[in-house]
């Protein structure tokens, strides 16, 4: 068992089957030593987390949704790279929060994904980030997170 797999197990996480694209794109593109992971939606217990923060989704539910997006990012990376051991550095996460105009805790929501990356990859999981509010997301999702990751050669 690799160190990354051991960390996932210690966190009580198992990677799901990576989600198939819902439109005309691919889940991961590797170019110039970087893996660009398309936006991932939050699936908890196989069900998409939908709704709006500040309306019908609590901050705590939003944090868990962002973590679920992070888990799906890991699943996509493992499929594309063959092993999460090839991750050299999580470079940047982009976080999109389906929220009302008065909701201002987008950074706290996206911490769900950010803290997961640090827990899984240690110092290599520290990254730059954006966390923005949007009026809606595909399929009514509460949160969406994408990633740019530096990868080691195969």
N, C-alpha and C. Protein backbone atom coordinates (compact mmCIF):
# COMPACT_ATOMS: atom_id res chain seq x y z
N UNK A 1 0.85 -1.18 0.00
CA UNK A 1 0.00 0.00 0.00
C UNK A 1 0.89 1.24 0.00
N UNK A 2 0.56 2.19 -0.88
CA UNK A 2 1.35 3.40 -0.97
C UNK A 2 1.04 4.32 0.22
N UNK A 3 1.89 5.32 0.41
CA UNK A 3 1.70 6.28 1.50
C UNK A 3 0.38 7.05 1.32
N UNK A 4 0.07 7.40 0.08
CA UNK A 4 -1.16 8.14 -0.20
C UNK A 4 -2.37 7.26 0.09
N UNK A 5 -2.34 6.01 -0.33
CA UNK A 5 -3.45 5.08 -0.05
C UNK A 5 -3.62 4.89 1.45
N UNK A 6 -2.51 4.84 2.18
CA UNK A 6 -2.57 4.70 3.64
C UNK A 6 -3.21 5.93 4.27
N UNK A 7 -2.89 7.11 3.76
CA UNK A 7 -3.51 8.33 4.29
C UNK A 7 -5.01 8.34 4.03
N UNK A 8 -5.40 7.94 2.82
CA UNK A 8 -6.83 7.87 2.50
C UNK A 8 -7.55 6.91 3.45
N UNK A 9 -6.94 5.75 3.66
CA UNK A 9 -7.53 4.75 4.55
C UNK A 9 -7.63 5.29 5.98
N UNK A 10 -6.59 5.98 6.43
CA UNK A 10 -6.61 6.55 7.78
C UNK A 10 -7.69 7.62 7.93
N UNK A 11 -8.01 8.30 6.83
CA UNK A 11 -9.07 9.31 6.84
C UNK A 11 -10.46 8.67 6.69
N UNK A 12 -10.48 7.35 6.49
CA UNK A 12 -11.76 6.66 6.31
C UNK A 12 -12.37 6.90 4.95
N UNK A 13 -11.53 7.21 3.96
CA UNK A 13 -12.03 7.52 2.63
C UNK A 13 -11.67 6.43 1.64
N UNK A 14 -12.61 6.13 0.77
CA UNK A 14 -12.33 5.26 -0.37
C UNK A 14 -12.75 6.02 -1.61
N UNK A 15 -12.00 5.84 -2.67
CA UNK A 15 -12.28 6.59 -3.89
C UNK A 15 -13.40 5.92 -4.67
N UNK A 16 -14.37 6.72 -5.11
CA UNK A 16 -15.46 6.17 -5.91
C UNK A 16 -15.01 5.97 -7.36
N UNK A 17 -15.85 5.37 -8.14
CA UNK A 17 -15.64 5.32 -9.59
C UNK A 17 -15.71 6.77 -10.09
N UNK A 18 -14.73 7.21 -10.87
CA UNK A 18 -14.77 8.60 -11.35
C UNK A 18 -16.04 8.88 -12.15
N UNK A 19 -16.60 10.05 -11.93
CA UNK A 19 -17.82 10.44 -12.65
C UNK A 19 -17.52 10.67 -14.12
N UNK A 20 -18.47 10.27 -14.96
CA UNK A 20 -18.36 10.51 -16.40
C UNK A 20 -18.72 11.97 -16.68
N UNK A 21 -18.12 12.55 -17.71
CA UNK A 21 -18.46 13.93 -18.08
C UNK A 21 -19.96 14.05 -18.41
N UNK A 22 -20.53 15.21 -18.10
CA UNK A 22 -21.94 15.45 -18.39
C UNK A 22 -22.12 16.31 -19.64
N UNK A 23 -21.03 16.66 -20.32
CA UNK A 23 -21.10 17.48 -21.53
C UNK A 23 -19.88 17.16 -22.40
N UNK A 24 -19.52 18.06 -23.29
CA UNK A 24 -18.45 17.83 -24.27
C UNK A 24 -17.09 18.25 -23.73
N UNK A 25 -16.51 17.43 -22.85
CA UNK A 25 -15.18 17.66 -22.30
C UNK A 25 -14.64 16.35 -21.77
N UNK A 26 -13.38 16.34 -21.39
CA UNK A 26 -12.78 15.17 -20.77
C UNK A 26 -12.48 15.50 -19.31
N UNK A 27 -12.46 14.49 -18.43
CA UNK A 27 -12.26 14.76 -17.01
C UNK A 27 -10.89 15.32 -16.66
N UNK A 28 -9.84 14.86 -17.35
CA UNK A 28 -8.48 15.28 -17.03
C UNK A 28 -7.69 15.44 -18.33
N UNK A 29 -6.95 16.54 -18.43
CA UNK A 29 -6.01 16.75 -19.53
C UNK A 29 -4.64 16.94 -18.90
N UNK A 30 -3.67 16.16 -19.38
CA UNK A 30 -2.30 16.28 -18.89
C UNK A 30 -1.47 16.94 -19.99
N UNK A 31 -0.88 18.09 -19.65
CA UNK A 31 -0.07 18.83 -20.61
C UNK A 31 1.01 19.60 -19.85
N UNK A 32 2.22 19.53 -20.36
CA UNK A 32 3.31 20.30 -19.77
C UNK A 32 3.57 19.97 -18.31
N UNK A 33 3.39 18.71 -17.93
CA UNK A 33 3.65 18.30 -16.55
C UNK A 33 2.55 18.66 -15.57
N UNK A 34 1.43 19.16 -16.09
CA UNK A 34 0.30 19.52 -15.24
C UNK A 34 -0.93 18.70 -15.62
N UNK A 35 -1.66 18.26 -14.62
CA UNK A 35 -2.96 17.63 -14.84
C UNK A 35 -4.02 18.67 -14.54
N UNK A 36 -4.84 18.96 -15.52
CA UNK A 36 -5.95 19.90 -15.37
C UNK A 36 -7.20 19.06 -15.19
N UNK A 37 -7.78 19.13 -14.00
CA UNK A 37 -8.95 18.32 -13.69
C UNK A 37 -10.19 19.19 -13.85
N UNK A 38 -11.10 18.75 -14.70
CA UNK A 38 -12.35 19.46 -14.92
C UNK A 38 -13.13 19.57 -13.61
N UNK A 39 -14.03 20.53 -13.56
CA UNK A 39 -14.85 20.72 -12.37
C UNK A 39 -15.58 19.45 -11.97
N UNK A 40 -15.50 19.12 -10.70
CA UNK A 40 -16.13 17.92 -10.16
C UNK A 40 -17.27 18.31 -9.24
N UNK A 41 -18.35 17.56 -9.32
CA UNK A 41 -19.53 17.82 -8.52
C UNK A 41 -19.54 16.95 -7.27
N UNK A 42 -20.31 17.34 -6.26
CA UNK A 42 -20.30 16.62 -4.99
C UNK A 42 -21.32 15.47 -4.92
N UNK A 43 -20.80 14.27 -4.84
CA UNK A 43 -21.65 13.10 -4.64
C UNK A 43 -21.37 12.54 -3.25
N UNK A 44 -22.40 12.46 -2.44
CA UNK A 44 -22.30 11.89 -1.10
C UNK A 44 -23.24 10.69 -1.06
N UNK A 45 -22.69 9.52 -0.74
CA UNK A 45 -23.46 8.27 -0.74
C UNK A 45 -24.16 8.07 -2.08
N UNK A 46 -23.47 8.40 -3.18
CA UNK A 46 -23.99 8.20 -4.51
C UNK A 46 -25.03 9.21 -4.97
N UNK A 47 -25.33 10.20 -4.14
CA UNK A 47 -26.36 11.19 -4.48
C UNK A 47 -25.73 12.57 -4.61
N UNK A 48 -26.11 13.28 -5.68
CA UNK A 48 -25.61 14.63 -5.90
C UNK A 48 -26.15 15.58 -4.85
N UNK A 49 -25.26 16.36 -4.24
CA UNK A 49 -25.67 17.38 -3.26
C UNK A 49 -26.09 18.61 -4.05
N UNK A 50 -27.37 18.96 -3.94
CA UNK A 50 -27.92 20.08 -4.68
C UNK A 50 -28.41 21.17 -3.72
N UNK A 51 -28.67 22.35 -4.27
CA UNK A 51 -29.21 23.44 -3.48
C UNK A 51 -28.27 24.62 -3.43
N UNK A 52 -28.69 25.63 -2.65
CA UNK A 52 -27.92 26.87 -2.56
C UNK A 52 -27.52 27.16 -1.12
N UNK A 53 -26.27 27.51 -0.95
CA UNK A 53 -25.79 27.95 0.36
C UNK A 53 -26.45 29.28 0.68
N UNK A 54 -26.86 29.43 1.92
CA UNK A 54 -27.57 30.64 2.33
C UNK A 54 -29.06 30.53 2.10
N UNK A 55 -29.50 29.40 1.56
CA UNK A 55 -30.92 29.20 1.28
C UNK A 55 -31.39 27.87 1.86
N UNK A 56 -30.97 26.75 1.23
CA UNK A 56 -31.42 25.44 1.69
C UNK A 56 -30.28 24.46 1.93
N UNK A 57 -29.04 24.95 1.91
CA UNK A 57 -27.86 24.14 2.21
C UNK A 57 -27.08 24.86 3.31
N UNK A 58 -26.79 24.16 4.40
CA UNK A 58 -26.06 24.77 5.51
C UNK A 58 -24.57 24.87 5.19
N UNK A 59 -23.88 25.68 5.96
CA UNK A 59 -22.42 25.79 5.81
C UNK A 59 -21.77 24.42 5.98
N UNK A 60 -22.19 23.67 6.99
CA UNK A 60 -21.61 22.35 7.24
C UNK A 60 -21.84 21.41 6.06
N UNK A 61 -23.04 21.44 5.48
CA UNK A 61 -23.33 20.61 4.31
C UNK A 61 -22.48 21.06 3.13
N UNK A 62 -22.26 22.36 3.00
CA UNK A 62 -21.42 22.88 1.93
C UNK A 62 -19.98 22.43 2.05
N UNK A 63 -19.46 22.44 3.27
CA UNK A 63 -18.08 21.98 3.50
C UNK A 63 -17.95 20.51 3.11
N UNK A 64 -18.92 19.69 3.51
CA UNK A 64 -18.90 18.26 3.16
C UNK A 64 -19.04 18.07 1.65
N UNK A 65 -19.83 18.92 1.01
CA UNK A 65 -19.97 18.85 -0.45
C UNK A 65 -18.64 19.18 -1.13
N UNK A 66 -17.95 20.19 -0.65
CA UNK A 66 -16.64 20.54 -1.22
C UNK A 66 -15.64 19.40 -1.01
N UNK A 67 -15.70 18.77 0.16
CA UNK A 67 -14.83 17.62 0.40
C UNK A 67 -15.15 16.51 -0.59
N UNK A 68 -16.44 16.28 -0.85
CA UNK A 68 -16.84 15.26 -1.81
C UNK A 68 -16.32 15.58 -3.21
N UNK A 69 -16.30 16.86 -3.58
CA UNK A 69 -15.69 17.27 -4.85
C UNK A 69 -14.21 16.91 -4.85
N UNK A 70 -13.54 17.15 -3.73
CA UNK A 70 -12.12 16.81 -3.62
C UNK A 70 -11.88 15.33 -3.77
N UNK A 71 -12.73 14.52 -3.19
CA UNK A 71 -12.61 13.06 -3.32
C UNK A 71 -12.75 12.66 -4.79
N UNK A 72 -13.69 13.29 -5.50
CA UNK A 72 -13.87 12.97 -6.92
C UNK A 72 -12.67 13.44 -7.74
N UNK A 73 -12.06 14.57 -7.36
CA UNK A 73 -10.82 15.01 -8.02
C UNK A 73 -9.76 13.93 -7.86
N UNK A 74 -9.62 13.40 -6.66
CA UNK A 74 -8.63 12.34 -6.41
C UNK A 74 -8.94 11.10 -7.25
N UNK A 75 -10.21 10.75 -7.35
CA UNK A 75 -10.60 9.58 -8.16
C UNK A 75 -10.25 9.81 -9.63
N UNK A 76 -10.51 11.01 -10.13
CA UNK A 76 -10.17 11.32 -11.53
C UNK A 76 -8.66 11.28 -11.75
N UNK A 77 -7.91 11.83 -10.79
CA UNK A 77 -6.45 11.81 -10.91
C UNK A 77 -5.90 10.38 -10.89
N UNK A 78 -6.43 9.56 -10.01
CA UNK A 78 -5.95 8.17 -9.94
C UNK A 78 -6.20 7.44 -11.24
N UNK A 79 -7.37 7.65 -11.82
CA UNK A 79 -7.68 7.00 -13.10
C UNK A 79 -6.76 7.51 -14.20
N UNK A 80 -6.55 8.82 -14.26
CA UNK A 80 -5.73 9.41 -15.32
C UNK A 80 -4.24 9.09 -15.18
N UNK A 81 -3.76 9.06 -13.93
CA UNK A 81 -2.33 8.90 -13.68
C UNK A 81 -1.91 7.46 -13.39
N UNK A 82 -2.88 6.64 -13.01
CA UNK A 82 -2.57 5.26 -12.62
C UNK A 82 -2.28 5.13 -11.15
N UNK A 83 -1.78 6.18 -10.53
CA UNK A 83 -1.46 6.17 -9.10
C UNK A 83 -1.40 7.61 -8.59
N UNK A 84 -1.94 7.82 -7.40
CA UNK A 84 -1.85 9.16 -6.79
C UNK A 84 -0.43 9.47 -6.33
N UNK A 85 0.44 8.48 -6.32
CA UNK A 85 1.85 8.71 -5.99
C UNK A 85 2.53 9.59 -7.04
N UNK A 86 1.92 9.73 -8.20
CA UNK A 86 2.49 10.59 -9.25
C UNK A 86 2.20 12.07 -9.02
N UNK A 87 1.34 12.38 -8.05
CA UNK A 87 1.05 13.78 -7.75
C UNK A 87 2.28 14.40 -7.08
N UNK A 88 2.81 15.44 -7.70
CA UNK A 88 3.97 16.13 -7.16
C UNK A 88 3.55 17.30 -6.27
N UNK A 89 2.52 18.03 -6.72
CA UNK A 89 2.06 19.21 -6.00
C UNK A 89 0.64 19.55 -6.46
N UNK A 90 -0.24 19.80 -5.52
CA UNK A 90 -1.53 20.39 -5.88
C UNK A 90 -1.24 21.87 -6.06
N UNK A 91 -1.40 22.37 -7.27
CA UNK A 91 -1.02 23.74 -7.60
C UNK A 91 -2.15 24.71 -7.28
N UNK A 92 -3.37 24.40 -7.74
CA UNK A 92 -4.48 25.32 -7.54
C UNK A 92 -5.81 24.59 -7.55
N UNK A 93 -6.71 25.02 -6.68
CA UNK A 93 -8.10 24.59 -6.71
C UNK A 93 -8.96 25.79 -7.07
N UNK A 94 -9.98 25.54 -7.88
CA UNK A 94 -10.98 26.56 -8.18
C UNK A 94 -12.29 26.11 -7.58
N UNK A 95 -12.84 26.91 -6.68
CA UNK A 95 -14.08 26.54 -6.00
C UNK A 95 -15.24 27.43 -6.38
N UNK A 96 -16.35 26.81 -6.72
CA UNK A 96 -17.56 27.52 -7.12
C UNK A 96 -18.68 27.10 -6.17
N UNK A 97 -19.30 28.09 -5.55
CA UNK A 97 -20.33 27.82 -4.55
C UNK A 97 -21.65 28.39 -5.03
N UNK A 98 -22.63 27.54 -5.20
CA UNK A 98 -23.98 27.95 -5.57
C UNK A 98 -24.57 28.60 -4.33
N UNK A 99 -24.65 29.93 -4.33
CA UNK A 99 -25.06 30.62 -3.11
C UNK A 99 -25.87 31.88 -3.39
N UNK A 100 -26.57 32.30 -2.36
CA UNK A 100 -27.35 33.53 -2.44
C UNK A 100 -26.40 34.73 -2.42
N UNK A 101 -26.91 35.88 -2.80
CA UNK A 101 -26.10 37.09 -2.81
C UNK A 101 -25.62 37.51 -1.44
N UNK A 102 -26.35 37.12 -0.40
CA UNK A 102 -25.96 37.53 0.95
C UNK A 102 -25.02 36.53 1.63
N UNK A 103 -24.79 35.36 1.02
CA UNK A 103 -23.89 34.36 1.60
C UNK A 103 -22.45 34.75 1.30
N UNK A 104 -21.62 34.84 2.33
CA UNK A 104 -20.23 35.30 2.12
C UNK A 104 -19.17 34.34 2.66
N UNK A 105 -19.56 33.12 2.96
CA UNK A 105 -18.59 32.15 3.51
C UNK A 105 -18.07 31.17 2.47
N UNK A 106 -17.96 31.59 1.21
CA UNK A 106 -17.43 30.72 0.18
C UNK A 106 -16.07 30.13 0.55
N UNK A 107 -15.14 30.95 1.12
CA UNK A 107 -13.84 30.38 1.50
C UNK A 107 -13.97 29.24 2.51
N UNK A 108 -14.87 29.37 3.47
CA UNK A 108 -15.06 28.30 4.47
C UNK A 108 -15.60 27.04 3.80
N UNK A 109 -16.50 27.20 2.83
CA UNK A 109 -17.04 26.04 2.12
C UNK A 109 -15.92 25.30 1.39
N UNK A 110 -15.14 26.02 0.62
CA UNK A 110 -14.11 25.39 -0.21
C UNK A 110 -12.97 24.83 0.64
N UNK A 111 -12.87 25.26 1.90
CA UNK A 111 -11.91 24.63 2.81
C UNK A 111 -12.12 23.13 2.88
N UNK A 112 -13.34 22.65 2.64
CA UNK A 112 -13.58 21.21 2.64
C UNK A 112 -12.68 20.48 1.66
N UNK A 113 -12.50 21.05 0.47
CA UNK A 113 -11.62 20.44 -0.53
C UNK A 113 -10.15 20.74 -0.21
N UNK A 114 -9.86 21.97 0.21
CA UNK A 114 -8.47 22.36 0.50
C UNK A 114 -7.88 21.54 1.63
N UNK A 115 -8.63 21.40 2.70
CA UNK A 115 -8.12 20.64 3.85
C UNK A 115 -7.95 19.16 3.51
N UNK A 116 -8.80 18.64 2.63
CA UNK A 116 -8.64 17.26 2.18
C UNK A 116 -7.31 17.08 1.46
N UNK A 117 -6.98 18.02 0.55
CA UNK A 117 -5.72 17.91 -0.20
C UNK A 117 -4.52 17.94 0.74
N UNK A 118 -4.57 18.80 1.74
CA UNK A 118 -3.46 18.87 2.71
C UNK A 118 -3.39 17.59 3.53
N UNK A 119 -4.53 17.02 3.90
CA UNK A 119 -4.53 15.78 4.68
C UNK A 119 -4.00 14.61 3.87
N UNK A 120 -4.28 14.58 2.59
CA UNK A 120 -3.86 13.46 1.74
C UNK A 120 -2.40 13.62 1.30
N UNK A 121 -2.01 14.82 0.88
CA UNK A 121 -0.69 15.01 0.28
C UNK A 121 0.32 15.74 1.17
N UNK A 122 -0.07 16.13 2.39
CA UNK A 122 0.84 16.86 3.26
C UNK A 122 1.21 18.20 2.66
N UNK A 123 2.48 18.57 2.75
CA UNK A 123 2.93 19.86 2.22
C UNK A 123 2.66 19.99 0.72
N UNK A 124 2.68 18.87 0.01
CA UNK A 124 2.42 18.89 -1.44
C UNK A 124 0.95 19.17 -1.74
N UNK A 125 0.11 19.15 -0.73
CA UNK A 125 -1.30 19.44 -0.90
C UNK A 125 -1.63 20.91 -0.69
N UNK A 126 -0.65 21.71 -0.24
CA UNK A 126 -0.86 23.15 -0.07
C UNK A 126 -0.92 23.79 -1.45
N UNK A 127 -1.88 24.68 -1.68
CA UNK A 127 -2.13 25.17 -3.03
C UNK A 127 -2.67 26.60 -3.03
N UNK A 128 -2.62 27.20 -4.20
CA UNK A 128 -3.32 28.47 -4.44
C UNK A 128 -4.79 28.12 -4.66
N UNK A 129 -5.68 29.14 -4.55
CA UNK A 129 -7.10 28.80 -4.64
C UNK A 129 -7.96 30.01 -4.94
N UNK A 130 -9.08 29.75 -5.54
CA UNK A 130 -10.14 30.75 -5.64
C UNK A 130 -11.41 30.11 -5.07
N UNK A 131 -12.28 30.95 -4.52
CA UNK A 131 -13.57 30.49 -3.97
C UNK A 131 -14.58 31.57 -4.29
N UNK A 132 -15.45 31.29 -5.25
CA UNK A 132 -16.37 32.31 -5.72
C UNK A 132 -17.82 31.86 -5.63
N UNK A 133 -18.69 32.83 -5.56
CA UNK A 133 -20.13 32.58 -5.55
C UNK A 133 -20.65 32.59 -6.98
N UNK A 134 -21.57 31.68 -7.26
CA UNK A 134 -22.24 31.65 -8.56
C UNK A 134 -23.74 31.48 -8.32
N UNK A 135 -24.57 31.98 -9.24
CA UNK A 135 -26.01 31.89 -9.02
C UNK A 135 -26.59 30.51 -9.29
N UNK A 136 -25.86 29.66 -10.01
CA UNK A 136 -26.30 28.28 -10.24
C UNK A 136 -25.11 27.47 -10.75
N UNK A 137 -25.25 26.15 -10.63
CA UNK A 137 -24.22 25.23 -11.11
C UNK A 137 -24.90 24.10 -11.88
N UNK A 138 -24.14 23.37 -12.71
CA UNK A 138 -24.73 22.26 -13.46
C UNK A 138 -25.50 21.29 -12.56
N UNK A 139 -26.64 20.86 -13.04
CA UNK A 139 -27.50 19.89 -12.35
C UNK A 139 -27.99 20.38 -10.99
N UNK A 140 -27.85 21.67 -10.72
CA UNK A 140 -28.29 22.22 -9.44
C UNK A 140 -27.33 21.94 -8.30
N UNK A 141 -26.09 21.53 -8.62
CA UNK A 141 -25.10 21.19 -7.60
C UNK A 141 -24.86 22.37 -6.66
N UNK A 142 -24.57 22.05 -5.41
CA UNK A 142 -24.29 23.08 -4.40
C UNK A 142 -22.88 23.64 -4.55
N UNK A 143 -21.95 22.80 -5.00
CA UNK A 143 -20.54 23.17 -5.08
C UNK A 143 -19.91 22.47 -6.29
N UNK A 144 -18.90 23.09 -6.86
CA UNK A 144 -18.08 22.48 -7.90
C UNK A 144 -16.64 22.90 -7.66
N UNK A 145 -15.71 21.97 -7.82
CA UNK A 145 -14.29 22.27 -7.61
C UNK A 145 -13.49 21.67 -8.76
N UNK A 146 -12.56 22.47 -9.32
CA UNK A 146 -11.62 21.96 -10.31
C UNK A 146 -10.21 22.07 -9.76
N UNK A 147 -9.24 21.51 -10.47
CA UNK A 147 -7.88 21.47 -9.94
C UNK A 147 -6.83 21.51 -11.03
N UNK A 148 -5.67 22.05 -10.66
CA UNK A 148 -4.45 21.95 -11.47
C UNK A 148 -3.42 21.31 -10.56
N UNK A 149 -2.81 20.24 -11.06
CA UNK A 149 -1.89 19.44 -10.26
C UNK A 149 -0.62 19.17 -11.06
N UNK A 150 0.53 19.40 -10.44
CA UNK A 150 1.80 19.06 -11.05
C UNK A 150 2.03 17.56 -10.86
N UNK A 151 2.46 16.89 -11.95
CA UNK A 151 2.62 15.43 -11.89
C UNK A 151 4.05 15.01 -12.19
N UNK A 152 4.45 13.93 -11.55
CA UNK A 152 5.75 13.32 -11.81
C UNK A 152 5.65 12.50 -13.08
N UNK A 153 6.73 12.43 -13.85
CA UNK A 153 6.70 11.59 -15.06
C UNK A 153 6.39 10.14 -14.73
N UNK A 154 5.77 9.47 -15.68
CA UNK A 154 5.40 8.05 -15.48
C UNK A 154 6.63 7.18 -15.50
